[in-house]
PDB file of N, CA and C in Angstrom:
ATOM      1  N   MET A   1       3.919  15.402  14.191  1.00  0.00           N
ATOM      2  CA  MET A   1       3.970  15.077  13.363  1.00  0.00           C
ATOM      3  C   MET A   1       4.356  16.763  12.180  1.00  0.00           C
ATOM      4  N   ALA A   2       3.190  17.489  12.468  1.00  0.00           N
ATOM      5  CA  ALA A   2       3.588  18.513  11.858  1.00  0.00           C
ATOM      6  C   ALA A   2       4.458  19.135  12.182  1.00  0.00           C
ATOM      7  N   GLU A   3       4.727  18.945  13.753  1.00  0.00           N
ATOM      8  CA  GLU A   3       6.208  19.608  13.799  1.00  0.00           C
ATOM      9  C   GLU A   3       7.751  19.336  13.023  1.00  0.00           C
ATOM     10  N   GLU A   4       7.977  17.818  12.789  1.00  0.00           N
ATOM     11  CA  GLU A   4       8.634  17.816  12.372  1.00  0.00           C
ATOM     12  C   GLU A   4       8.278  18.276  10.709  1.00  0.00           C
ATOM     13  N   LYS A   5       7.818  17.873  10.105  1.00  0.00           N
ATOM     14  CA  LYS A   5       7.260  18.116   9.146  1.00  0.00           C
ATOM     15  C   LYS A   5       8.054  19.679   8.623  1.00  0.00           C
ATOM     16  N   LYS A   6       7.702  20.739   9.375  1.00  0.00           N
ATOM     17  CA  LYS A   6       8.026  21.951   9.385  1.00  0.00           C
ATOM     18  C   LYS A   6       9.946  22.143   9.761  1.00  0.00           C
ATOM     19  N   GLU A   7       9.805  21.506  10.501  1.00  0.00           N
ATOM     20  CA  GLU A   7      11.417  21.228  10.693  1.00  0.00           C
ATOM     21  C   GLU A   7      12.326  20.886   9.694  1.00  0.00           C
ATOM     22  N   THR A   8      11.392  19.664   9.062  1.00  0.00           N
ATOM     23  CA  THR A   8      12.500  19.303   7.483  1.00  0.00           C
ATOM     24  C   THR A   8      12.464  20.326   6.543  1.00  0.00           C
ATOM     25  N   ALA A   9      10.954  20.877   6.141  1.00  0.00           N
ATOM     26  CA  ALA A   9      11.358  22.069   5.433  1.00  0.00           C
ATOM     27  C   ALA A   9      12.293  23.536   5.906  1.00  0.00           C
ATOM     28  N   GLN A  10      12.723  23.471   7.005  1.00  0.00           N
ATOM     29  CA  GLN A  10      13.045  24.531   7.274  1.00  0.00           C
ATOM     30  C   GLN A  10      14.850  24.117   7.390  1.00  0.00           C
ATOM     31  N   THR A  11      14.882  22.863   6.991  1.00  0.00           N
ATOM     32  CA  THR A  11      16.229  22.762   7.186  1.00  0.00           C
ATOM     33  C   THR A  11      16.708  22.573   5.177  1.00  0.00           C
ATOM     34  N   GLU A  12      15.304  22.336   4.725  1.00  0.00           N
ATOM     35  CA  GLU A  12      15.503  22.058   3.035  1.00  0.00           C
ATOM     36  C   GLU A  12      15.562  23.889   2.933  1.00  0.00           C
ATOM     37  N   VAL A  13      15.096  24.675   3.456  1.00  0.00           N
ATOM     38  CA  VAL A  13      15.343  25.780   2.712  1.00  0.00           C
ATOM     39  C   VAL A  13      16.631  26.302   2.847  1.00  0.00           C
ATOM     40  N   SER A  14      16.997  26.361   3.829  1.00  0.00           N
ATOM     41  CA  SER A  14      18.383  26.959   4.395  1.00  0.00           C
ATOM     42  C   SER A  14      19.306  26.054   4.294  1.00  0.00           C
ATOM     43  N   PHE A  15      19.516  25.042   3.428  1.00  0.00           N
ATOM     44  CA  PHE A  15      20.145  23.828   3.234  1.00  0.00           C
ATOM     45  C   PHE A  15      21.202  24.909   1.954  1.00  0.00           C
ATOM     46  N   GLY A  16      20.546  25.431   1.608  1.00  0.00           N
ATOM     47  CA  GLY A  16      21.538  25.766   0.484  1.00  0.00           C
ATOM     48  C   GLY A  16      22.523  27.320   0.600  1.00  0.00           C
ATOM     49  N   LYS A  17      21.976  27.969   2.318  1.00  0.00           N
ATOM     50  CA  LYS A  17      22.606  28.802   2.325  1.00  0.00           C
ATOM     51  C   LYS A  17      23.826  28.725   3.275  1.00  0.00           C
ATOM     52  N   LYS A  18      23.684  27.332   3.721  1.00  0.00           N
ATOM     53  CA  LYS A  18      25.036  27.191   4.956  1.00  0.00           C
ATOM     54  C   LYS A  18      26.220  27.188   4.028  1.00  0.00           C
ATOM     55  N   SER A  19      27.424  26.599   4.889  1.00  0.00           N
ATOM     56  CA  SER A  19      28.508  26.344   4.293  1.00  0.00           C
ATOM     57  C   SER A  19      28.948  25.183   3.927  1.00  0.00           C
ATOM     58  N   LYS A  20      29.850  24.058   3.791  1.00  0.00           N
ATOM     59  CA  LYS A  20      29.582  23.044   3.207  1.00  0.00           C
ATOM     60  C   LYS A  20      29.647  22.120   4.914  1.00  0.00           C
ATOM     61  N   GLY A  21      30.561  22.290   5.508  1.00  0.00           N
ATOM     62  CA  GLY A  21      30.820  21.695   7.030  1.00  0.00           C
ATOM     63  C   GLY A  21      28.913  21.875   7.713  1.00  0.00           C
ATOM     64  N   LYS A  22      28.491  22.902   7.591  1.00  0.00           N
ATOM     65  CA  LYS A  22      27.128  23.037   8.241  1.00  0.00           C
ATOM     66  C   LYS A  22      26.055  22.346   7.396  1.00  0.00           C
ATOM     67  N   LYS A  23      26.261  21.779   5.744  1.00  0.00           N
ATOM     68  CA  LYS A  23      25.620  21.278   5.543  1.00  0.00           C
ATOM     69  C   LYS A  23      25.555  19.679   5.541  1.00  0.00           C
ATOM     70  N   LYS A  24      26.769  19.269   5.765  1.00  0.00           N
ATOM     71  CA  LYS A  24      26.904  17.641   6.575  1.00  0.00           C
ATOM     72  C   LYS A  24      26.549  17.622   8.031  1.00  0.00           C
ATOM     73  N   VAL A  25      26.407  18.649   8.435  1.00  0.00           N
ATOM     74  CA  VAL A  25      25.744  18.477  10.327  1.00  0.00           C
ATOM     75  C   VAL A  25      24.227  18.348   9.616  1.00  0.00           C
ATOM     76  N   SER A  26      23.531  19.604   9.189  1.00  0.00           N
ATOM     77  CA  SER A  26      22.431  19.771   8.690  1.00  0.00           C
ATOM     78  C   SER A  26      21.710  18.204   8.159  1.00  0.00           C
ATOM     79  N   PHE A  27      22.417  17.733   7.458  1.00  0.00           N
ATOM     80  CA  PHE A  27      22.181  16.295   6.720  1.00  0.00           C
ATOM     81  C   PHE A  27      22.204  15.102   7.527  1.00  0.00           C
ATOM     82  N   ARG A  28      23.128  15.469   8.489  1.00  0.00           N
ATOM     83  CA  ARG A  28      22.959  13.811   9.491  1.00  0.00           C
ATOM     84  C   ARG A  28      22.128  13.835  10.619  1.00  0.00           C
ATOM     85  N   LYS A  29      21.571  15.548  10.660  1.00  0.00           N
ATOM     86  CA  LYS A  29      20.080  15.524  11.829  1.00  0.00           C
ATOM     87  C   LYS A  29      19.178  15.223  10.971  1.00  0.00           C
ATOM     88  N   GLY A  30      18.979  15.811   9.585  1.00  0.00           N
ATOM     89  CA  GLY A  30      17.788  15.087   9.313  1.00  0.00           C
ATOM     90  C   GLY A  30      17.812  13.648   8.834  1.00  0.00           C
ATOM     91  N   LEU A  31      19.004  12.779   8.553  1.00  0.00           N
ATOM     92  CA  LEU A  31      19.309  11.639   8.547  1.00  0.00           C
ATOM     93  C   LEU A  31      18.643  11.001   9.681  1.00  0.00           C
ATOM     94  N   ARG A  32      18.849  11.421  10.962  1.00  0.00           N
ATOM     95  CA  ARG A  32      18.728  10.646  12.226  1.00  0.00           C
ATOM     96  C   ARG A  32      17.217  11.137  12.669  1.00  0.00           C
ATOM     97  N   THR A  33      16.840  12.230  12.206  1.00  0.00           N
ATOM     98  CA  THR A  33      15.322  12.127  12.477  1.00  0.00           C
ATOM     99  C   THR A  33      14.641  11.451  11.858  1.00  0.00           C
ATOM    100  N   GLU A  34      15.147  11.196  10.490  1.00  0.00           N
ATOM    101  CA  GLU A  34      14.410  10.041   9.536  1.00  0.00           C
ATOM    102  C   GLU A  34      14.713   8.754  10.010  1.00  0.00           C
ATOM    103  N   PHE A  35      15.449   8.087  10.473  1.00  0.00           N
ATOM    104  CA  PHE A  35      15.735   6.954  10.632  1.00  0.00           C
ATOM    105  C   PHE A  35      14.876   6.961  12.446  1.00  0.00           C
ATOM    106  N   LYS A  36      14.650   7.755  13.099  1.00  0.00           N
ATOM    107  CA  LYS A  36      13.892   7.574  14.363  1.00  0.00           C
ATOM    108  C   LYS A  36      12.007   7.425  14.015  1.00  0.00           C
ATOM    109  N   LYS A  37      11.717   7.754  12.840  1.00  0.00           N
ATOM    110  CA  LYS A  37      10.340   7.581  12.196  1.00  0.00           C
ATOM    111  C   LYS A  37      10.008   5.882  11.963  1.00  0.00           C
ATOM    112  N   ILE A  38      11.242   5.156  11.645  1.00  0.00           N
ATOM    113  CA  ILE A  38      11.204   3.610  10.805  1.00  0.00           C
ATOM    114  C   ILE A  38      10.603   3.242  12.030  1.00  0.00           C
ATOM    115  N   THR A  39       9.945   2.339  11.969  1.00  0.00           N
ATOM    116  CA  THR A  39       9.343   1.702  12.479  1.00  0.00           C
ATOM    117  C   THR A  39       9.881  -0.133  12.090  1.00  0.00           C
ATOM    118  N   TRP A  40      10.701  -0.169  13.000  1.00  0.00           N
ATOM    119  CA  TRP A  40      11.548  -1.984  12.875  1.00  0.00           C
ATOM    120  C   TRP A  40      10.253  -2.922  13.189  1.00  0.00           C
ATOM    121  N   PRO A  41      11.034  -4.216  12.252  1.00  0.00           N
ATOM    122  CA  PRO A  41       9.927  -5.547  12.444  1.00  0.00           C
ATOM    123  C   PRO A  41      10.963  -5.965  13.784  1.00  0.00           C
ATOM    124  N   ASP A  42       9.598  -6.522  14.920  1.00  0.00           N
ATOM    125  CA  ASP A  42      10.568  -7.622  16.118  1.00  0.00           C
ATOM    126  C   ASP A  42      10.852  -8.751  15.247  1.00  0.00           C
ATOM    127  N   LYS A  43      11.634  -9.303  15.657  1.00  0.00           N
ATOM    128  CA  LYS A  43      12.138 -10.577  16.216  1.00  0.00           C
ATOM    129  C   LYS A  43      11.415 -11.787  15.042  1.00  0.00           C
ATOM    130  N   THR A  44      10.380 -11.924  15.755  1.00  0.00           N
ATOM    131  CA  THR A  44       9.209 -12.935  15.340  1.00  0.00           C
ATOM    132  C   THR A  44       9.044 -12.753  13.593  1.00  0.00           C
ATOM    133  N   SER A  45       8.516 -11.399  13.968  1.00  0.00           N
ATOM    134  CA  SER A  45       7.909 -10.935  12.339  1.00  0.00           C
ATOM    135  C   SER A  45       8.828 -10.830  11.294  1.00  0.00           C
ATOM    136  N   LEU A  46      10.920 -10.860  11.631  1.00  0.00           N
ATOM    137  CA  LEU A  46      11.536 -10.999  11.084  1.00  0.00           C
ATOM    138  C   LEU A  46      11.786 -12.310  10.508  1.00  0.00           C
ATOM    139  N   THR A  47      11.552 -13.453  10.976  1.00  0.00           N
ATOM    140  CA  THR A  47      11.793 -14.798  11.347  1.00  0.00           C
ATOM    141  C   THR A  47      11.097 -14.961  10.475  1.00  0.00           C
ATOM    142  N   ARG A  48       9.995 -14.911  10.412  1.00  0.00           N
ATOM    143  CA  ARG A  48       8.942 -15.277   9.891  1.00  0.00           C
ATOM    144  C   ARG A  48       8.709 -15.071   8.216  1.00  0.00           C
ATOM    145  N   GLN A  49       9.231 -13.506   7.790  1.00  0.00           N
ATOM    146  CA  GLN A  49       9.233 -13.299   6.947  1.00  0.00           C
ATOM    147  C   GLN A  49      10.425 -13.599   5.585  1.00  0.00           C
ATOM    148  N   SER A  50      11.671 -14.105   6.705  1.00  0.00           N
ATOM    149  CA  SER A  50      12.801 -14.655   5.869  1.00  0.00           C
ATOM    150  C   SER A  50      12.815 -16.245   5.651  1.00  0.00           C
ATOM    151  N   VAL A  51      11.372 -16.959   6.512  1.00  0.00           N
ATOM    152  CA  VAL A  51      11.553 -18.089   6.457  1.00  0.00           C
ATOM    153  C   VAL A  51      10.873 -18.174   4.696  1.00  0.00           C
ATOM    154  N   ALA A  52      10.113 -17.412   4.845  1.00  0.00           N
ATOM    155  CA  ALA A  52       8.665 -17.243   3.764  1.00  0.00           C
ATOM    156  C   ALA A  52       9.415 -16.847   2.381  1.00  0.00           C
ATOM    157  N   VAL A  53      10.450 -15.709   2.093  1.00  0.00           N
ATOM    158  CA  VAL A  53      11.326 -15.777   1.263  1.00  0.00           C
ATOM    159  C   VAL A  53      12.196 -16.974   1.242  1.00  0.00           C
ATOM    160  N   VAL A  54      12.620 -17.660   1.625  1.00  0.00           N
ATOM    161  CA  VAL A  54      13.932 -18.630   1.718  1.00  0.00           C
ATOM    162  C   VAL A  54      12.865 -19.941   1.246  1.00  0.00           C
ATOM    163  N   ALA A  55      11.472 -20.202   1.573  1.00  0.00           N
ATOM    164  CA  ALA A  55      10.716 -21.239   0.962  1.00  0.00           C
ATOM    165  C   ALA A  55      10.071 -20.606  -0.178  1.00  0.00           C
ATOM    166  N   VAL A  56      10.045 -19.245  -0.875  1.00  0.00           N
ATOM    167  CA  VAL A  56       9.478 -19.188  -1.680  1.00  0.00           C
ATOM    168  C   VAL A  56      10.607 -19.589  -2.992  1.00  0.00           C
ATOM    169  N   THR A  57      11.742 -19.197  -2.465  1.00  0.00           N
ATOM    170  CA  THR A  57      12.982 -18.598  -3.368  1.00  0.00           C
ATOM    171  C   THR A  57      13.259 -20.387  -3.692  1.00  0.00           C
ATOM    172  N   LEU A  58      13.320 -21.402  -2.953  1.00  0.00           N
ATOM    173  CA  LEU A  58      13.745 -22.637  -2.574  1.00  0.00           C
ATOM    174  C   LEU A  58      12.053 -23.323  -4.135  1.00  0.00           C
ATOM    175  N   VAL A  59      11.222 -23.087  -3.721  1.00  0.00           N
ATOM    176  CA  VAL A  59       9.809 -23.811  -4.345  1.00  0.00           C
ATOM    177  C   VAL A  59      10.579 -23.283  -5.742  1.00  0.00           C
ATOM    178  N   LEU A  60      10.708 -21.905  -6.594  1.00  0.00           N
ATOM    179  CA  LEU A  60      10.779 -21.263  -7.202  1.00  0.00           C
ATOM    180  C   LEU A  60      11.940 -21.826  -8.316  1.00  0.00           C
ATOM    181  N   SER A  61      12.931 -21.974  -7.623  1.00  0.00           N
ATOM    182  CA  SER A  61      14.426 -22.912  -8.011  1.00  0.00           C
ATOM    183  C   SER A  61      13.858 -24.491  -8.628  1.00  0.00           C
ATOM    184  N   VAL A  62      12.986 -25.016  -7.792  1.00  0.00           N
ATOM    185  CA  VAL A  62      13.134 -26.079  -8.038  1.00  0.00           C
ATOM    186  C   VAL A  62      11.876 -26.689  -9.656  1.00  0.00           C
ATOM    187  N   LEU A  63      11.271 -25.603  -9.372  1.00  0.00           N
ATOM    188  CA  LEU A  63      10.536 -25.450 -10.335  1.00  0.00           C
ATOM    189  C   LEU A  63      10.995 -24.488 -11.304  1.00  0.00           C
ATOM    190  N   ILE A  64      11.801 -23.895 -11.883  1.00  0.00           N
ATOM    191  CA  ILE A  64      12.988 -23.736 -12.656  1.00  0.00           C
ATOM    192  C   ILE A  64      13.589 -24.700 -13.202  1.00  0.00           C
ATOM    193  N   ALA A  65      14.442 -25.382 -12.120  1.00  0.00           N
ATOM    194  CA  ALA A  65      14.849 -26.458 -12.748  1.00  0.00           C
ATOM    195  C   ALA A  65      14.308 -27.405 -13.656  1.00  0.00           C
ATOM    196  N   LEU A  66      12.975 -27.565 -12.959  1.00  0.00           N
ATOM    197  CA  LEU A  66      12.088 -28.793 -13.466  1.00  0.00           C
ATOM    198  C   LEU A  66      11.944 -28.297 -15.175  1.00  0.00           C
ATOM    199  N   LEU A  67      11.633 -27.576 -15.077  1.00  0.00           N
ATOM    200  CA  LEU A  67      11.086 -26.370 -16.718  1.00  0.00           C
ATOM    201  C   LEU A  67      12.211 -26.982 -17.737  1.00  0.00           C
ATOM    202  N   ASP A  68      12.697 -26.268 -16.752  1.00  0.00           N
ATOM    203  CA  ASP A  68      14.734 -26.487 -17.884  1.00  0.00           C
ATOM    204  C   ASP A  68      14.837 -27.955 -18.076  1.00  0.00           C
ATOM    205  N   VAL A  69      14.674 -29.239 -17.278  1.00  0.00           N
ATOM    206  CA  VAL A  69      14.889 -30.436 -17.771  1.00  0.00           C
ATOM    207  C   VAL A  69      14.011 -30.724 -19.190  1.00  0.00           C
ATOM    208  N   ILE A  70      12.762 -30.395 -18.460  1.00  0.00           N
ATOM    209  CA  ILE A  70      11.422 -30.504 -19.788  1.00  0.00           C
ATOM    210  C   ILE A  70      11.777 -29.899 -20.782  1.00  0.00           C
ATOM    211  N   PHE A  71      12.110 -28.743 -21.025  1.00  0.00           N
ATOM    212  CA  PHE A  71      12.566 -28.217 -22.232  1.00  0.00           C
ATOM    213  C   PHE A  71      13.712 -28.990 -22.939  1.00  0.00           C
ATOM    214  N   GLN A  72      14.740 -29.191 -22.026  1.00  0.00           N
ATOM    215  CA  GLN A  72      16.200 -29.833 -22.699  1.00  0.00           C
ATOM    216  C   GLN A  72      15.367 -31.350 -23.773  1.00  0.00           C
ATOM    217  N   TYR A  73      15.088 -31.980 -22.739  1.00  0.00           N
ATOM    218  CA  TYR A  73      14.460 -32.985 -23.419  1.00  0.00           C
ATOM    219  C   TYR A  73      13.537 -32.639 -24.819  1.00  0.00           C
ATOM    220  N   GLY A  74      12.519 -32.084 -24.326  1.00  0.00           N
ATOM    221  CA  GLY A  74      11.977 -31.201 -25.446  1.00  0.00           C
ATOM    222  C   GLY A  74      12.857 -30.901 -27.195  1.00  0.00           C
ATOM    223  N   VAL A  75      13.833 -30.355 -26.405  1.00  0.00           N
ATOM    224  CA  VAL A  75      14.585 -29.925 -27.763  1.00  0.00           C
ATOM    225  C   VAL A  75      14.848 -30.884 -28.042  1.00  0.00           C
ATOM    226  N   ASP A  76      16.013 -31.744 -26.916  1.00  0.00           N
ATOM    227  CA  ASP A  76      16.862 -32.840 -27.986  1.00  0.00           C
ATOM    228  C   ASP A  76      16.232 -33.702 -28.526  1.00  0.00           C
ATOM    229  N   TRP A  77      14.276 -34.145 -28.385  1.00  0.00           N
ATOM    230  CA  TRP A  77      13.140 -34.463 -29.025  1.00  0.00           C
ATOM    231  C   TRP A  77      13.517 -34.007 -30.141  1.00  0.00           C
ATOM    232  N   LEU A  78      13.051 -32.484 -30.439  1.00  0.00           N
ATOM    233  CA  LEU A  78      12.790 -31.932 -31.879  1.00  0.00           C
ATOM    234  C   LEU A  78      14.049 -32.345 -32.791  1.00  0.00           C
ATOM    235  N   ILE A  79      15.030 -32.305 -31.982  1.00  0.00           N
ATOM    236  CA  ILE A  79      17.294 -32.268 -33.166  1.00  0.00           C
ATOM    237  C   ILE A  79      16.643 -33.742 -33.513  1.00  0.00           C
ATOM    238  N   LYS A  80      16.157 -34.342 -32.768  1.00  0.00           N
ATOM    239  CA  LYS A  80      15.855 -35.821 -33.214  1.00  0.00           C
ATOM    240  C   LYS A  80      15.386 -36.374 -34.283  1.00  0.00           C
ATOM    241  N   LEU A  81      14.562 -35.948 -34.400  1.00  0.00           N
ATOM    242  CA  LEU A  81      13.227 -35.656 -35.704  1.00  0.00           C
ATOM    243  C   LEU A  81      14.410 -35.646 -37.010  1.00  0.00           C
TER     244      LEU A  81
END
């Protein structure tokens, strides 16, 4: 881990001194090392999280729709007074 930080720090220091083509290569190399550090979720975890997001979205949309109908009737009732 410490070696990776050193490498990144050296890349950042020398980043401004390189030519434009070498900057792109250095950027891509840094990007590749950062992507290797990512821990991607497994399939079951991803499925559970996706189902949870969809379920919460559906519940909240129904709740908002119900509140909308209630407020609509309330405003209509106030207008009729």
